[in-house]
Amino acid sequence: MSTMREDILKILKRIINEIELRPKMFFVNPNYRELSSYLFGYLTCIEDIHLISINNIFSEWLNSKDKKTSLFWTEYILRISANNSEDIAYVILIKEFKLFIDDIDF
């Protein structure tokens, strides 16, 4: 029997994989701002319901991997990882979020 947290991670993994495979099912114009807003909102709902702050955990995880900053994940990926390129940030967000889900133990 899986735990609630394991179920949440399975759902998040399924969502990010679906977005990667079929982005236009989720967004009219797939781009970094749309994707990051969608994920931020989805993760905020999880926090509100289950009291698990995945947005903060993801931010801390990103900041511990490379350059340590006080930036939240939405800005960290765009400014630090993608050097302000929204096209690159879109790809990096999907890649990093998948790695995060596989790596996280909360």
C-alpha atoms as a PDB file:
ATOM      1  CA  MET A   1       0.000   0.000   0.000  1.00  0.00           C
ATOM      2  CA  SER A   2       1.439   3.359  -0.990  1.00  0.00           C
ATOM      3  CA  THR A   3       1.519   6.427   1.203  1.00  0.00           C
ATOM      4  CA  MET A   4      -0.105   9.761   0.417  1.00  0.00           C
ATOM      5  CA  ARG A   5       3.301  11.266  -0.330  1.00  0.00           C
ATOM      6  CA  GLU A   6       4.178   8.463  -2.745  1.00  0.00           C
ATOM      7  CA  ASP A   7       0.833   9.000  -4.468  1.00  0.00           C
ATOM      8  CA  ILE A   8       1.532  12.730  -4.785  1.00  0.00           C
ATOM      9  CA  LEU A   9       4.913  12.029  -6.394  1.00  0.00           C
ATOM     10  CA  LYS A  10       3.334   9.548  -8.837  1.00  0.00           C
ATOM     11  CA  ILE A  11       0.750  12.147  -9.839  1.00  0.00           C
ATOM     12  CA  LEU A  12       3.398  14.843 -10.275  1.00  0.00           C
ATOM     13  CA  LYS A  13       5.524  12.508 -12.376  1.00  0.00           C
ATOM     14  CA  ARG A  14       2.538  11.654 -14.558  1.00  0.00           C
ATOM     15  CA  ILE A  15       1.634  15.329 -15.008  1.00  0.00           C
ATOM     16  CA  ILE A  16       5.140  16.454 -15.985  1.00  0.00           C
ATOM     17  CA  ASN A  17       5.466  13.538 -18.405  1.00  0.00           C
ATOM     18  CA  GLU A  18       2.104  14.409 -19.992  1.00  0.00           C
ATOM     19  CA  ILE A  19       3.120  18.058 -20.308  1.00  0.00           C
ATOM     20  CA  GLU A  20       6.396  17.036 -21.934  1.00  0.00           C
ATOM     21  CA  LEU A  21       4.659  14.695 -24.406  1.00  0.00           C
ATOM     22  CA  ARG A  22       1.551  16.777 -25.113  1.00  0.00           C
ATOM     23  CA  PRO A  23       2.152  20.397 -24.103  1.00  0.00           C
ATOM     24  CA  LYS A  24      -0.717  21.753 -26.203  1.00  0.00           C
ATOM     25  CA  MET A  25      -3.176  19.682 -24.173  1.00  0.00           C
ATOM     26  CA  PHE A  26      -2.276  21.971 -21.270  1.00  0.00           C
ATOM     27  CA  PHE A  27      -1.348  25.283 -22.885  1.00  0.00           C
ATOM     28  CA  VAL A  28      -2.431  27.105 -26.042  1.00  0.00           C
ATOM     29  CA  ASN A  29       1.090  28.481 -26.382  1.00  0.00           C
ATOM     30  CA  PRO A  30       3.494  26.318 -24.353  1.00  0.00           C
ATOM     31  CA  ASN A  31       6.169  28.526 -22.806  1.00  0.00           C
ATOM     32  CA  TYR A  32       8.091  28.923 -19.577  1.00  0.00           C
ATOM     33  CA  ARG A  33       5.715  31.416 -17.949  1.00  0.00           C
ATOM     34  CA  GLU A  34       2.679  29.218 -18.618  1.00  0.00           C
ATOM     35  CA  LEU A  35       4.415  26.046 -17.443  1.00  0.00           C
ATOM     36  CA  SER A  36       5.921  27.583 -14.309  1.00  0.00           C
ATOM     37  CA  SER A  37       2.606  29.245 -13.389  1.00  0.00           C
ATOM     38  CA  TYR A  38       0.740  25.982 -13.893  1.00  0.00           C
ATOM     39  CA  LEU A  39       3.188  23.979 -11.767  1.00  0.00           C
ATOM     40  CA  PHE A  40       3.376  26.671  -9.102  1.00  0.00           C
ATOM     41  CA  GLY A  41      -0.424  26.707  -8.816  1.00  0.00           C
ATOM     42  CA  TYR A  42      -0.684  22.924  -8.779  1.00  0.00           C
ATOM     43  CA  LEU A  43       2.000  22.624  -6.098  1.00  0.00           C
ATOM     44  CA  THR A  44       0.340  25.375  -4.056  1.00  0.00           C
ATOM     45  CA  CYS A  45      -2.925  23.396  -4.092  1.00  0.00           C
ATOM     46  CA  ILE A  46      -1.064  20.334  -2.823  1.00  0.00           C
ATOM     47  CA  GLU A  47       0.381  22.456  -0.029  1.00  0.00           C
ATOM     48  CA  ASP A  48      -3.035  23.831   0.897  1.00  0.00           C
ATOM     49  CA  ILE A  49      -4.622  20.378   1.024  1.00  0.00           C
ATOM     50  CA  HIS A  50      -1.787  18.185   2.340  1.00  0.00           C
ATOM     51  CA  LEU A  51       0.459  20.706   4.127  1.00  0.00           C
ATOM     52  CA  ILE A  52       3.482  19.709   2.020  1.00  0.00           C
ATOM     53  CA  SER A  53       5.338  22.723   0.657  1.00  0.00           C
ATOM     54  CA  ILE A  54       6.700  21.205  -2.541  1.00  0.00           C
ATOM     55  CA  ASN A  55       7.315  24.679  -4.015  1.00  0.00           C
ATOM     56  CA  ASN A  56       9.732  25.454  -1.168  1.00  0.00           C
ATOM     57  CA  ILE A  57      11.283  21.987  -1.238  1.00  0.00           C
ATOM     58  CA  PHE A  58      11.872  22.297  -5.008  1.00  0.00           C
ATOM     59  CA  SER A  59      13.438  25.747  -4.522  1.00  0.00           C
ATOM     60  CA  GLU A  60      15.758  24.458  -1.803  1.00  0.00           C
ATOM     61  CA  TRP A  61      16.648  21.411  -3.896  1.00  0.00           C
ATOM     62  CA  LEU A  62      17.581  23.579  -6.904  1.00  0.00           C
ATOM     63  CA  ASN A  63      19.578  26.008  -4.781  1.00  0.00           C
ATOM     64  CA  SER A  64      21.529  23.168  -3.191  1.00  0.00           C
ATOM     65  CA  LYS A  65      22.561  21.730  -6.578  1.00  0.00           C
ATOM     66  CA  ASP A  66      24.421  24.650  -8.067  1.00  0.00           C
ATOM     67  CA  LYS A  67      24.641  28.349  -7.346  1.00  0.00           C
ATOM     68  CA  LYS A  68      23.114  29.120  -3.951  1.00  0.00           C
ATOM     69  CA  THR A  69      20.724  32.069  -4.065  1.00  0.00           C
ATOM     70  CA  SER A  70      17.569  33.235  -2.346  1.00  0.00           C
ATOM     71  CA  LEU A  71      15.570  32.944  -5.582  1.00  0.00           C
ATOM     72  CA  PHE A  72      12.389  30.895  -5.688  1.00  0.00           C
ATOM     73  CA  TRP A  73      12.441  28.065  -8.257  1.00  0.00           C
ATOM     74  CA  THR A  74      10.411  30.012 -10.827  1.00  0.00           C
ATOM     75  CA  GLU A  75      13.046  32.747 -11.005  1.00  0.00           C
ATOM     76  CA  TYR A  76      16.044  30.516 -10.284  1.00  0.00           C
ATOM     77  CA  ILE A  77      15.456  28.410 -13.386  1.00  0.00           C
ATOM     78  CA  LEU A  78      14.836  31.417 -15.616  1.00  0.00           C
ATOM     79  CA  ARG A  79      17.633  33.663 -14.333  1.00  0.00           C
ATOM     80  CA  ILE A  80      20.352  31.274 -13.166  1.00  0.00           C
ATOM     81  CA  SER A  81      19.849  28.015 -15.067  1.00  0.00           C
ATOM     82  CA  ALA A  82      18.633  29.482 -18.369  1.00  0.00           C
ATOM     83  CA  ASN A  83      20.351  32.877 -18.335  1.00  0.00           C
ATOM     84  CA  ASN A  84      16.988  34.616 -18.914  1.00  0.00           C
ATOM     85  CA  SER A  85      16.072  32.533 -21.971  1.00  0.00           C
ATOM     86  CA  GLU A  86      12.457  31.419 -21.654  1.00  0.00           C
ATOM     87  CA  ASP A  87      12.886  28.763 -24.352  1.00  0.00           C
ATOM     88  CA  ILE A  88      15.798  27.191 -22.497  1.00  0.00           C
ATOM     89  CA  ALA A  89      14.032  27.623 -19.143  1.00  0.00           C
ATOM     90  CA  TYR A  90      11.037  25.630 -20.423  1.00  0.00           C
ATOM     91  CA  VAL A  91      13.243  22.641 -21.249  1.00  0.00           C
ATOM     92  CA  ILE A  92      15.255  22.962 -18.037  1.00  0.00           C
ATOM     93  CA  LEU A  93      12.125  23.125 -15.870  1.00  0.00           C
ATOM     94  CA  ILE A  94      10.802  19.858 -17.254  1.00  0.00           C
ATOM     95  CA  LYS A  95      14.199  18.170 -16.879  1.00  0.00           C
ATOM     96  CA  GLU A  96      14.876  19.493 -13.363  1.00  0.00           C
ATOM     97  CA  PHE A  97      11.359  18.792 -12.105  1.00  0.00           C
ATOM     98  CA  LYS A  98      11.627  15.176 -13.255  1.00  0.00           C
ATOM     99  CA  LEU A  99      15.010  14.836 -11.534  1.00  0.00           C
ATOM    100  CA  PHE A 100      13.581  16.449  -8.405  1.00  0.00           C
ATOM    101  CA  ILE A 101      10.656  14.014  -8.265  1.00  0.00           C
ATOM    102  CA  ASP A 102      13.026  11.068  -8.633  1.00  0.00           C
ATOM    103  CA  ASP A 103      15.439  12.449  -6.032  1.00  0.00           C
ATOM    104  CA  ILE A 104      13.114  13.843  -3.381  1.00  0.00           C
ATOM    105  CA  ASP A 105      12.405  12.074  -0.146  1.00  0.00           C
ATOM    106  CA  PHE A 106       9.999  14.166   1.886  1.00  0.00           C
END
